[in-house]
Protein backbone atom coordinates (compact mmCIF):
# COMPACT_ATOMS: atom_id res chain seq x y z
CA UNK A 1 -50.33 5.46 133.72
CA UNK A 2 -49.44 1.98 134.91
CA UNK A 3 -47.52 1.59 138.16
CA UNK A 4 -45.10 -1.25 137.50
CA UNK A 5 -43.90 -0.87 141.09
CA UNK A 6 -47.39 -1.30 142.54
CA UNK A 7 -48.41 -4.20 140.28
CA UNK A 8 -45.29 -6.11 141.27
CA UNK A 9 -46.13 -5.76 144.96
CA UNK A 10 -43.97 -2.74 145.75
CA UNK A 11 -44.89 0.29 147.86
CA UNK A 12 -47.70 2.74 147.09
CA UNK A 13 -47.13 6.33 146.01
CA UNK A 14 -49.22 9.49 145.71
CA UNK A 15 -51.06 8.77 142.45
CA UNK A 16 -51.93 5.17 143.29
CA UNK A 17 -55.03 6.24 145.20
CA UNK A 18 -56.38 7.76 141.97
CA UNK A 19 -55.31 4.84 139.75
CA UNK A 20 -56.17 1.86 141.94
CA UNK A 21 -59.00 2.90 144.22
CA UNK A 22 -61.94 0.50 144.07
CA UNK A 23 -63.94 3.19 142.23
CA UNK A 24 -61.20 4.30 139.82
CA UNK A 25 -62.69 2.62 136.75
CA UNK A 26 -66.04 4.32 137.37
CA UNK A 27 -64.74 7.85 137.92
CA UNK A 28 -66.11 10.38 135.45
CA UNK A 29 -64.29 13.54 136.60
CA UNK A 30 -66.54 16.42 135.80
CA UNK A 31 -69.32 14.71 133.90
CA UNK A 32 -71.48 14.20 136.98
CA UNK A 33 -69.27 14.44 140.06
CA UNK A 34 -68.70 18.16 140.57
CA UNK A 35 -64.92 17.75 140.28
CA UNK A 36 -62.80 18.20 137.20
CA UNK A 37 -60.11 16.11 135.51
CA UNK A 38 -56.37 16.43 135.71
CA UNK A 39 -55.60 19.27 133.29
CA UNK A 40 -52.51 19.56 131.12
CA UNK A 41 -51.86 23.18 130.21
CA UNK A 42 -49.52 23.63 127.28
CA UNK A 43 -48.67 27.10 128.48
CA UNK A 44 -46.65 28.10 125.39
CA UNK A 45 -45.75 26.61 122.04
CA UNK A 46 -42.31 28.20 122.19
CA UNK A 47 -39.38 26.05 123.27
CA UNK A 48 -35.64 26.53 123.60
CA UNK A 49 -35.22 23.14 121.87
CA UNK A 50 -36.81 21.55 118.79
CA UNK A 51 -37.01 17.87 119.72
CA UNK A 52 -37.65 15.49 116.85
CA UNK A 53 -40.45 13.63 118.69
CA UNK A 54 -42.32 16.62 120.14
CA UNK A 55 -46.08 15.96 120.27
CA UNK A 56 -46.76 19.73 120.45
CA UNK A 57 -44.64 20.62 117.37
CA UNK A 58 -43.00 23.33 119.48
CA UNK A 59 -40.49 25.76 117.97
CA UNK A 60 -37.97 28.34 119.12
CA UNK A 61 -39.99 31.17 117.56
CA UNK A 62 -42.66 33.11 119.43
CA UNK A 63 -46.34 32.54 118.70
CA UNK A 64 -48.77 35.48 118.76
CA UNK A 65 -52.16 35.10 120.38
CA UNK A 66 -51.24 32.96 123.39
CA UNK A 67 -53.18 33.45 126.61
CA UNK A 68 -52.27 36.59 128.52
CA UNK A 69 -51.41 36.54 132.21
CA UNK A 70 -54.90 37.76 133.13
CA UNK A 71 -56.55 35.16 130.88
CA UNK A 72 -54.41 32.44 132.43
CA UNK A 73 -55.47 33.55 135.91
CA UNK A 74 -59.13 33.41 134.89
CA UNK A 75 -58.50 29.86 133.64
CA UNK A 76 -56.89 28.95 136.97
CA UNK A 77 -59.81 30.44 138.91
CA UNK A 78 -62.19 28.23 136.94
CA UNK A 79 -60.03 25.11 137.42
CA UNK A 80 -59.89 25.78 141.15
CA UNK A 81 -63.66 26.12 141.42
CA UNK A 82 -64.00 22.98 139.30
CA UNK A 83 -61.83 21.18 141.87
CA UNK A 84 -59.32 19.76 139.41
CA UNK A 85 -56.92 17.49 141.34
CA UNK A 86 -53.80 18.71 139.51
CA UNK A 87 -52.54 21.13 136.89
CA UNK A 88 -49.62 19.84 134.81
CA UNK A 89 -47.88 22.80 133.20
CA UNK A 90 -46.16 21.84 129.97
CA UNK A 91 -45.22 23.48 126.68
CA UNK A 92 -43.24 23.84 124.45
CA UNK A 93 -40.93 24.60 127.32
CA UNK A 94 -42.99 26.20 130.12
CA UNK A 95 -40.04 28.09 131.62
CA UNK A 96 -39.69 30.07 128.39
CA UNK A 97 -42.89 31.85 129.40
CA UNK A 98 -41.88 34.93 131.49
CA UNK A 99 -44.90 34.86 133.83
CA UNK A 100 -44.98 31.11 134.43
CA UNK A 101 -43.60 31.22 137.97
CA UNK A 102 -46.15 33.83 139.01
CA UNK A 103 -48.93 31.76 137.46
CA UNK A 104 -47.74 28.60 139.20
CA UNK A 105 -47.68 30.54 142.47
CA UNK A 106 -51.21 31.81 141.80
CA UNK A 107 -52.47 28.27 141.14
CA UNK A 108 -50.97 26.85 144.32
CA UNK A 109 -52.55 29.63 146.40
CA UNK A 110 -55.87 28.52 144.90
CA UNK A 111 -55.32 25.02 146.24
CA UNK A 112 -54.34 23.35 142.95
CA UNK A 113 -51.48 20.86 142.96
CA UNK A 114 -49.05 22.15 140.33
CA UNK A 115 -46.45 20.04 138.54
CA UNK A 116 -44.21 20.79 135.57
CA UNK A 117 -43.27 18.87 132.45
CA UNK A 118 -39.97 20.28 131.21
CA UNK A 119 -36.76 19.49 129.37
CA UNK A 120 -34.93 20.66 132.48
CA UNK A 121 -32.37 22.84 130.72
CA UNK A 122 -33.73 26.11 132.15
CA UNK A 123 -33.93 25.02 135.80
CA UNK A 124 -31.03 26.87 137.36
CA UNK A 125 -30.50 27.09 141.11
CA UNK A 126 -32.58 30.25 141.53
CA UNK A 127 -35.52 28.82 139.59
CA UNK A 128 -35.45 25.56 141.54
CA UNK A 129 -35.41 27.52 144.79
CA UNK A 130 -38.41 29.57 143.67
CA UNK A 131 -40.31 26.44 142.64
CA UNK A 132 -39.80 25.06 146.13
CA UNK A 133 -40.96 28.31 147.74
CA UNK A 134 -44.09 28.33 145.56
CA UNK A 135 -44.99 24.82 146.65
CA UNK A 136 -44.22 22.90 143.46
CA UNK A 137 -43.23 19.43 144.64
CA UNK A 138 -42.68 17.60 141.35
CA UNK A 139 -41.05 18.15 137.96
CA UNK A 140 -41.12 15.61 135.12
CA UNK A 141 -37.83 15.95 133.21
CA UNK A 142 -37.08 14.11 129.97
CA UNK A 143 -33.94 12.19 129.03
CA UNK A 144 -33.83 10.22 125.80
CA UNK A 145 -30.90 7.90 126.49
CA UNK A 146 -27.14 8.22 126.64
CA UNK A 147 -25.69 11.69 126.14
CA UNK A 148 -25.13 11.45 122.37
CA UNK A 149 -28.57 10.01 121.72
CA UNK A 150 -30.28 12.54 123.98
CA UNK A 151 -28.58 15.44 122.21
CA UNK A 152 -29.61 13.94 118.85
CA UNK A 153 -33.27 13.71 119.89
CA UNK A 154 -33.14 17.21 121.36
CA UNK A 155 -31.33 18.62 118.30
CA UNK A 156 -28.78 20.43 120.46
CA UNK A 157 -25.26 19.57 121.50
CA UNK A 158 -24.88 19.90 125.26
CA UNK A 159 -28.58 19.46 126.02
CA UNK A 160 -27.89 16.34 128.11
CA UNK A 161 -25.47 18.14 130.44
CA UNK A 162 -27.91 21.03 130.87
CA UNK A 163 -30.72 18.61 131.74
CA UNK A 164 -28.60 16.82 134.34
CA UNK A 165 -27.86 20.21 135.93
CA UNK A 166 -31.58 20.92 136.05
CA UNK A 167 -32.23 17.58 137.74
CA UNK A 168 -29.54 18.26 140.32
CA UNK A 169 -30.90 21.73 141.08
CA UNK A 170 -34.34 20.24 141.70
CA UNK A 171 -32.88 17.55 143.95
CA UNK A 172 -30.87 20.19 145.85
CA UNK A 173 -34.08 22.01 146.75
CA UNK A 174 -36.01 18.83 147.58
CA UNK A 175 -38.24 18.88 144.51
CA UNK A 176 -39.14 15.37 143.45
CA UNK A 177 -37.99 14.53 139.92
CA UNK A 178 -39.67 12.11 137.56
CA UNK A 179 -37.24 11.08 134.86
CA UNK A 180 -39.16 10.63 131.58
CA UNK A 181 -37.93 8.34 128.81
CA UNK A 182 -39.81 8.00 125.50
CA UNK A 183 -39.24 4.50 124.14
CA UNK A 184 -38.31 4.10 120.46
CA UNK A 185 -36.33 1.66 118.34
CA UNK A 186 -33.50 4.23 118.27
CA UNK A 187 -32.93 4.43 122.01
CA UNK A 188 -34.20 1.14 123.49
CA UNK A 189 -30.61 -0.05 123.96
CA UNK A 190 -29.92 3.00 126.13
CA UNK A 191 -32.27 1.89 128.89
CA UNK A 192 -29.43 0.69 131.14
CA UNK A 193 -28.00 4.22 131.07
CA UNK A 194 -31.41 5.51 132.16
CA UNK A 195 -31.43 3.06 135.08
CA UNK A 196 -27.96 4.33 136.01
CA UNK A 197 -29.08 7.97 136.00
CA UNK A 198 -32.04 7.10 138.23
CA UNK A 199 -29.75 5.38 140.74
CA UNK A 200 -26.80 7.79 140.60
CA UNK A 201 -28.86 10.97 140.79
CA UNK A 202 -31.19 9.76 143.53
CA UNK A 203 -34.28 10.11 141.35
CA UNK A 204 -37.46 8.78 142.95
CA UNK A 205 -39.58 8.23 139.87
CA UNK A 206 -39.03 6.79 136.39
CA UNK A 207 -41.73 7.15 133.71
CA UNK A 208 -41.37 5.12 130.54
CA UNK A 209 -43.44 6.72 127.77
CA UNK A 210 -44.64 4.78 124.75
CA UNK A 211 -44.42 6.86 121.57
CA UNK A 212 -47.66 8.60 120.55
CA UNK A 213 -48.02 9.50 116.88
CA UNK A 214 -48.94 13.17 117.20
CA UNK A 215 -47.20 16.46 116.47
CA UNK A 216 -43.74 15.75 115.08
CA UNK A 217 -44.13 12.28 116.59
CA UNK A 218 -46.77 11.59 113.92
CA UNK A 219 -44.00 11.45 111.36
CA UNK A 220 -41.92 9.12 113.52
CA UNK A 221 -44.28 6.16 113.81
CA UNK A 222 -41.64 4.24 111.87
CA UNK A 223 -39.24 4.45 114.81
CA UNK A 224 -41.77 3.09 117.28
CA UNK A 225 -40.42 -0.05 118.89
CA UNK A 226 -41.88 -3.12 117.11
CA UNK A 227 -44.48 -4.89 119.22
CA UNK A 228 -42.47 -8.09 119.67
CA UNK A 229 -39.58 -6.00 121.03
CA UNK A 230 -41.93 -4.15 123.39
CA UNK A 231 -42.50 -7.50 125.09
CA UNK A 232 -38.75 -8.04 125.48
CA UNK A 233 -38.36 -4.52 126.84
CA UNK A 234 -41.18 -4.98 129.35
CA UNK A 235 -39.61 -8.23 130.59
CA UNK A 236 -36.36 -6.34 131.22
CA UNK A 237 -38.18 -3.49 132.96
CA UNK A 238 -40.13 -5.85 135.22
CA UNK A 239 -36.94 -7.60 136.31
CA UNK A 240 -35.24 -4.26 137.05
CA UNK A 241 -38.19 -3.05 139.15
CA UNK A 242 -38.20 -6.35 141.05
CA UNK A 243 -34.53 -5.78 141.88
CA UNK A 244 -35.21 -2.27 143.13
CA UNK A 245 -38.18 -3.43 145.20
CA UNK A 246 -36.17 -6.29 146.72
CA UNK A 247 -33.35 -3.90 147.62
CA UNK A 248 -35.77 -1.49 149.29
CA UNK A 249 -35.02 1.28 146.78
CA UNK A 250 -37.71 3.97 146.86
CA UNK A 251 -38.03 4.24 143.09
CA UNK A 252 -41.53 4.44 141.61
CA UNK A 253 -41.60 3.10 138.05
CA UNK A 254 -44.49 3.96 135.76
CA UNK A 255 -45.27 3.20 132.14
CA UNK A 256 -47.33 5.76 130.27
CA UNK A 257 -49.50 5.86 127.13
CA UNK A 258 -49.97 2.12 126.61
CA UNK A 259 -52.50 0.32 128.80
CA UNK A 260 -51.52 -3.05 127.34
CA UNK A 261 -48.75 -2.92 129.94
CA UNK A 262 -51.19 -3.76 132.75
CA UNK A 263 -52.42 -7.09 131.36
CA UNK A 264 -48.90 -7.93 130.21
CA UNK A 265 -47.52 -7.55 133.76
CA UNK A 266 -50.33 -9.72 135.12
CA UNK A 267 -49.70 -12.41 132.48
CA UNK A 268 -45.95 -12.19 133.14
CA UNK A 269 -46.57 -12.82 136.84
CA UNK A 270 -48.96 -15.64 136.06
CA UNK A 271 -46.13 -17.38 134.22
CA UNK A 272 -43.15 -16.38 136.37
CA UNK A 273 -44.51 -15.84 139.90
CA UNK A 274 -48.14 -17.03 140.16
CA UNK A 275 -48.48 -16.15 143.86
CA UNK A 276 -48.24 -12.44 143.02
CA UNK A 277 -50.58 -12.60 140.05
CA UNK A 278 -53.97 -12.30 141.88
CA UNK A 279 -53.07 -8.98 143.50
CA UNK A 280 -51.85 -7.60 140.17
CA UNK A 281 -55.06 -8.76 138.50
CA UNK A 282 -57.17 -7.01 141.13
CA UNK A 283 -55.27 -3.75 140.64
CA UNK A 284 -55.43 -3.97 136.85
CA UNK A 285 -59.19 -4.49 136.97
CA UNK A 286 -59.65 -1.39 139.16
CA UNK A 287 -57.76 1.02 136.93
CA UNK A 288 -60.19 1.65 134.08
CA UNK A 289 -57.56 2.22 131.40
CA UNK A 290 -57.16 5.23 129.15
CA UNK A 291 -59.06 8.25 130.49
CA UNK A 292 -58.73 10.71 127.62
CA UNK A 293 -61.73 13.02 127.70
CA UNK A 294 -62.77 11.63 131.08
CA UNK A 295 -60.14 12.00 133.81
CA UNK A 296 -57.64 14.03 131.80
CA UNK A 297 -58.07 17.03 129.53
CA UNK A 298 -55.85 19.66 127.95
CA UNK A 299 -55.81 23.38 127.28
CA UNK A 300 -53.30 24.76 124.80
CA UNK A 301 -51.50 28.10 124.87
CA UNK A 302 -54.22 29.73 122.74
CA UNK A 303 -57.05 28.62 125.04
CA UNK A 304 -58.32 25.75 122.89
CA UNK A 305 -59.58 22.73 124.83
CA UNK A 306 -58.66 19.21 123.72
CA UNK A 307 -59.51 15.70 125.00
CA UNK A 308 -55.84 15.28 125.96
CA UNK A 309 -52.50 16.84 125.13
CA UNK A 310 -51.90 14.45 122.21
CA UNK A 311 -55.05 15.35 120.26
CA UNK A 312 -54.45 19.03 119.66
CA UNK A 313 -55.99 18.87 116.19
CA UNK A 314 -59.31 17.97 117.87
CA UNK A 315 -60.85 21.08 119.43
CA UNK A 316 -63.88 20.90 121.72
CA UNK A 317 -64.02 24.56 122.73
CA UNK A 318 -62.02 27.61 123.77
CA UNK A 319 -61.80 29.10 127.24
CA UNK A 320 -61.91 32.60 125.76
CA UNK A 321 -65.49 31.85 124.76
CA UNK A 322 -66.65 29.86 127.78
CA UNK A 323 -65.10 28.29 130.84
CA UNK A 324 -63.29 24.97 130.73
CA UNK A 325 -65.69 23.60 133.34
CA UNK A 326 -68.65 24.43 131.10
CA UNK A 327 -67.08 22.84 128.04
CA UNK A 328 -66.09 19.71 129.96
CA UNK A 329 -69.55 19.12 131.41
CA UNK A 330 -71.53 19.93 128.25
CA UNK A 331 -73.20 16.66 127.12
CA UNK A 332 -73.53 18.03 123.59
CA UNK A 333 -69.77 18.10 122.91
CA UNK A 334 -69.73 15.17 120.51
CA UNK A 335 -66.11 14.04 120.82
CA UNK A 336 -66.13 14.08 124.61
CA UNK A 337 -69.38 12.19 124.67
CA UNK A 338 -67.89 9.69 122.23
CA UNK A 339 -64.86 9.13 124.43
CA UNK A 340 -67.08 8.56 127.45
CA UNK A 341 -69.03 5.89 125.57
CA UNK A 342 -66.13 4.69 123.44
CA UNK A 343 -66.56 0.94 123.90
CA UNK A 344 -69.47 0.86 121.48
CA UNK A 345 -67.48 2.80 118.86
CA UNK A 346 -64.19 0.90 118.81
CA UNK A 347 -63.19 -1.25 115.86
CA UNK A 348 -60.65 -3.95 115.10
CA UNK A 349 -58.87 -5.88 117.85
CA UNK A 350 -59.90 -3.35 120.48
CA UNK A 351 -63.60 -4.02 119.93
CA UNK A 352 -63.32 -7.74 120.65
CA UNK A 353 -60.50 -7.72 123.22
CA UNK A 354 -61.20 -9.38 126.57
CA UNK A 355 -59.12 -6.66 128.27
CA UNK A 356 -61.29 -3.82 126.94
CA UNK A 357 -62.55 -2.90 130.41
CA UNK A 358 -58.93 -2.76 131.55
CA UNK A 359 -57.38 -0.59 128.82
CA UNK A 360 -60.53 1.19 127.57
CA UNK A 361 -59.36 1.04 123.97
CA UNK A 362 -55.88 2.41 124.70
CA UNK A 363 -54.72 5.52 122.79
CA UNK A 364 -57.08 7.00 120.22
CA UNK A 365 -54.45 9.50 119.00
CA UNK A 366 -52.16 6.64 118.03
CA UNK A 367 -54.97 4.77 116.25
CA UNK A 368 -55.82 7.88 114.28
CA UNK A 369 -52.16 8.54 113.49
CA UNK A 370 -51.75 5.04 112.09
CA UNK A 371 -55.09 4.47 110.34
CA UNK A 372 -56.71 7.94 110.00
CA UNK A 373 -59.55 6.48 112.06
CA UNK A 374 -60.02 7.75 115.61
CA UNK A 375 -61.90 4.59 116.64
CA UNK A 376 -59.60 2.03 115.03
CA UNK A 377 -57.50 -0.42 117.04
CA UNK A 378 -54.37 0.90 118.71
CA UNK A 379 -51.41 -0.38 116.64
CA UNK A 380 -49.09 -0.26 119.66
CA UNK A 381 -50.96 -2.98 121.56
CA UNK A 382 -48.44 -5.81 121.71
CA UNK A 383 -50.63 -8.46 123.33
CA UNK A 384 -50.97 -11.56 121.17
CA UNK A 385 -54.25 -12.69 119.65
CA UNK A 386 -54.47 -15.59 122.10
CA UNK A 387 -53.90 -13.19 125.03
CA UNK A 388 -56.79 -10.94 124.03
CA UNK A 389 -59.28 -13.58 122.87
CA UNK A 390 -62.47 -13.66 124.92
């Protein structure tokens, strides 16, 4: 994640101490530190929607063989002893799972910070109230653009209105909302409507996601925003964040799943506001880039462990056979070891890029989706050849 707000000189927020500490780029999270990574738990593959860009290929049908309540509690016990900093509960749609509130409650009593990734349509007033009582302080809720476009992406008429209700119920019970927007060529022109929702609904965080070619998203690489238009979009986003910062609006803006954004913001400042550029450069150099298999890992609803939530076809173990903490710290797990020494494996533009220490090769899932080569260059890097030349 790249904090556009922070790089532009705005205020700091909770996650910035993990992203921009002086030791962030050296953190190994579980390989030799005694503490685990942030864990994404795709708690169920069932969803009440069937979104066209779903990385998990979720469906409305039920899936046999998912972790039981007791198995999920054993997983949580292990994550707590492994000192994971956060558990992000996702899906499918996590609130489809009947025991999810009890499991979230169990995790918070174990000292784990619990957040949810949800489409928001199932967060009624009672559920929002319970989330607050449990100690859940944050929900990431997705909107894909204006109402008609959102409903198209979500494959359900009325989904937009239901999501807005979910956002309002969270806000009513003082649960921080992160509005999530996945950028594509089909909704890029809706970004002003997203800015309006953030302002009108009092939302404190906006996360712009770059499309990752996995799950159903693998078949949608053709709707990814062309790289030259990504630059235009980022220019617009930077100017909007500057306006919010100047007005004193407490809106944290993040971009997710494309670490080219960090160097781009620095280069933008170098051209447009050179006095701010050195601080941005310092922060960018601290971050360490993509942390798949290092500072983030994933467990799916069947107990399989993956390097991150976007590489569910790559399995490194199963928690029914041995604990997540044991899998994560095993030096003989080839893919994890490869990700932790990835610089020597990368090919194409990534291998020779002068920003390699900053982005760490960007997203391997997207490279594999485009080229059938896990170590190929990331096709979504929009920096020019002159910008990456050593």
